[in-house]
Amino acid sequence: MTTKNNALTFQTGEAVVYPSHGVGLITGIEEQEIAGFKLKLLVMTLVHN
């Protein structure tokens, strides 16, 4: 994870902690348009809770 203009950026393969679900591994990053807004979404696989 790095910071750029005060925004967090993640890369595939990084481990993250999702507070209510536990430790996860980022397996992909997708961009989707929802209600006219382009969103960057992280795809995670939970490793341990």
N, C-alpha and C. Protein backbone atom coordinates (compact mmCIF):
# COMPACT_ATOMS: atom_id res chain seq x y z
N MET A 1 0.84 -1.17 0.00
CA MET A 1 0.00 0.00 0.00
C MET A 1 0.89 1.24 0.00
N THR A 2 0.58 2.19 -0.86
CA THR A 2 1.31 3.45 -0.91
C THR A 2 0.30 4.60 -0.90
N THR A 3 0.79 5.80 -0.66
CA THR A 3 -0.10 6.94 -0.70
C THR A 3 0.28 7.85 -1.86
N LYS A 4 -0.73 8.43 -2.49
CA LYS A 4 -0.53 9.36 -3.59
C LYS A 4 -1.65 10.39 -3.49
N ASN A 5 -1.30 11.62 -3.27
CA ASN A 5 -2.29 12.68 -3.11
C ASN A 5 -3.31 12.34 -2.01
N ASN A 6 -2.83 11.80 -0.91
CA ASN A 6 -3.67 11.43 0.23
C ASN A 6 -4.67 10.33 -0.08
N ALA A 7 -4.48 9.61 -1.17
CA ALA A 7 -5.36 8.48 -1.50
C ALA A 7 -4.56 7.18 -1.33
N LEU A 8 -5.22 6.15 -0.83
CA LEU A 8 -4.55 4.86 -0.67
C LEU A 8 -4.59 4.10 -1.99
N THR A 9 -3.52 3.44 -2.32
CA THR A 9 -3.49 2.59 -3.50
C THR A 9 -3.07 1.20 -3.07
N PHE A 10 -3.71 0.21 -3.63
CA PHE A 10 -3.43 -1.18 -3.30
C PHE A 10 -3.03 -1.92 -4.56
N GLN A 11 -2.32 -3.02 -4.40
CA GLN A 11 -1.89 -3.84 -5.52
C GLN A 11 -2.34 -5.27 -5.29
N THR A 12 -2.56 -5.99 -6.39
CA THR A 12 -2.90 -7.40 -6.32
C THR A 12 -1.80 -8.14 -5.56
N GLY A 13 -2.20 -9.04 -4.66
CA GLY A 13 -1.25 -9.82 -3.88
C GLY A 13 -1.01 -9.26 -2.49
N GLU A 14 -1.46 -8.05 -2.22
CA GLU A 14 -1.26 -7.47 -0.89
C GLU A 14 -2.26 -8.04 0.11
N ALA A 15 -1.84 -8.17 1.34
CA ALA A 15 -2.72 -8.60 2.42
C ALA A 15 -3.33 -7.36 3.07
N VAL A 16 -4.61 -7.46 3.44
CA VAL A 16 -5.31 -6.36 4.08
C VAL A 16 -6.12 -6.90 5.26
N VAL A 17 -6.49 -6.02 6.17
CA VAL A 17 -7.35 -6.40 7.28
C VAL A 17 -8.68 -5.69 7.10
N TYR A 18 -9.74 -6.46 6.99
CA TYR A 18 -11.09 -5.93 6.88
C TYR A 18 -11.70 -6.13 8.26
N PRO A 19 -11.91 -5.04 9.02
CA PRO A 19 -12.23 -5.14 10.45
C PRO A 19 -13.31 -6.15 10.84
N SER A 20 -14.40 -6.22 10.11
CA SER A 20 -15.48 -7.12 10.54
C SER A 20 -15.35 -8.52 9.97
N HIS A 21 -14.35 -8.75 9.08
CA HIS A 21 -14.22 -10.07 8.45
C HIS A 21 -12.86 -10.73 8.62
N GLY A 22 -11.84 -9.97 8.94
CA GLY A 22 -10.53 -10.55 9.17
C GLY A 22 -9.52 -10.23 8.08
N VAL A 23 -8.53 -11.09 7.95
CA VAL A 23 -7.44 -10.89 7.00
C VAL A 23 -7.85 -11.37 5.62
N GLY A 24 -7.53 -10.56 4.62
CA GLY A 24 -7.86 -10.93 3.25
C GLY A 24 -6.68 -10.69 2.33
N LEU A 25 -6.75 -11.25 1.15
CA LEU A 25 -5.73 -11.10 0.12
C LEU A 25 -6.40 -10.46 -1.09
N ILE A 26 -5.82 -9.38 -1.59
CA ILE A 26 -6.38 -8.72 -2.77
C ILE A 26 -6.04 -9.58 -3.99
N THR A 27 -7.09 -10.07 -4.66
CA THR A 27 -6.89 -10.95 -5.82
C THR A 27 -7.13 -10.23 -7.13
N GLY A 28 -7.67 -9.03 -7.07
CA GLY A 28 -7.89 -8.27 -8.30
C GLY A 28 -8.39 -6.87 -7.99
N ILE A 29 -8.32 -6.02 -9.01
CA ILE A 29 -8.82 -4.66 -8.92
C ILE A 29 -9.66 -4.42 -10.16
N GLU A 30 -10.92 -4.03 -9.95
CA GLU A 30 -11.85 -3.83 -11.06
C GLU A 30 -12.34 -2.39 -11.06
N GLU A 31 -12.66 -1.89 -12.25
CA GLU A 31 -13.29 -0.58 -12.34
C GLU A 31 -14.69 -0.78 -12.88
N GLN A 32 -15.69 -0.24 -12.19
CA GLN A 32 -17.08 -0.36 -12.60
C GLN A 32 -17.74 1.01 -12.54
N GLU A 33 -18.73 1.20 -13.41
CA GLU A 33 -19.50 2.43 -13.38
C GLU A 33 -20.84 2.15 -12.73
N ILE A 34 -21.13 2.87 -11.67
CA ILE A 34 -22.37 2.70 -10.93
C ILE A 34 -23.00 4.08 -10.74
N ALA A 35 -24.23 4.23 -11.20
CA ALA A 35 -24.98 5.49 -11.10
C ALA A 35 -24.19 6.67 -11.67
N GLY A 36 -23.46 6.42 -12.75
CA GLY A 36 -22.70 7.47 -13.40
C GLY A 36 -21.34 7.77 -12.79
N PHE A 37 -20.97 7.05 -11.75
CA PHE A 37 -19.67 7.25 -11.11
C PHE A 37 -18.76 6.07 -11.41
N LYS A 38 -17.52 6.33 -11.80
CA LYS A 38 -16.56 5.26 -12.00
C LYS A 38 -15.91 4.95 -10.66
N LEU A 39 -16.00 3.69 -10.26
CA LEU A 39 -15.45 3.25 -8.98
C LEU A 39 -14.37 2.21 -9.20
N LYS A 40 -13.33 2.27 -8.40
CA LYS A 40 -12.30 1.24 -8.42
C LYS A 40 -12.59 0.33 -7.24
N LEU A 41 -12.83 -0.95 -7.52
CA LEU A 41 -13.22 -1.92 -6.49
C LEU A 41 -12.13 -2.95 -6.27
N LEU A 42 -11.90 -3.31 -5.02
CA LEU A 42 -10.93 -4.35 -4.70
C LEU A 42 -11.65 -5.69 -4.60
N VAL A 43 -11.09 -6.71 -5.22
CA VAL A 43 -11.61 -8.07 -5.12
C VAL A 43 -10.74 -8.79 -4.11
N MET A 44 -11.37 -9.30 -3.04
CA MET A 44 -10.61 -9.91 -1.95
C MET A 44 -11.04 -11.36 -1.72
N THR A 45 -10.10 -12.16 -1.29
CA THR A 45 -10.37 -13.50 -0.77
C THR A 45 -9.99 -13.48 0.69
N LEU A 46 -10.95 -13.88 1.55
CA LEU A 46 -10.66 -13.89 2.98
C LEU A 46 -9.78 -15.09 3.33
N VAL A 47 -8.69 -14.81 4.04
CA VAL A 47 -7.71 -15.83 4.39
C VAL A 47 -7.96 -16.36 5.79
N HIS A 48 -8.29 -15.46 6.73
CA HIS A 48 -8.43 -15.84 8.13
C HIS A 48 -9.37 -14.85 8.80
N ASN A 49 -10.22 -15.31 9.69
CA ASN A 49 -11.09 -14.36 10.39
C ASN A 49 -10.90 -14.45 11.89
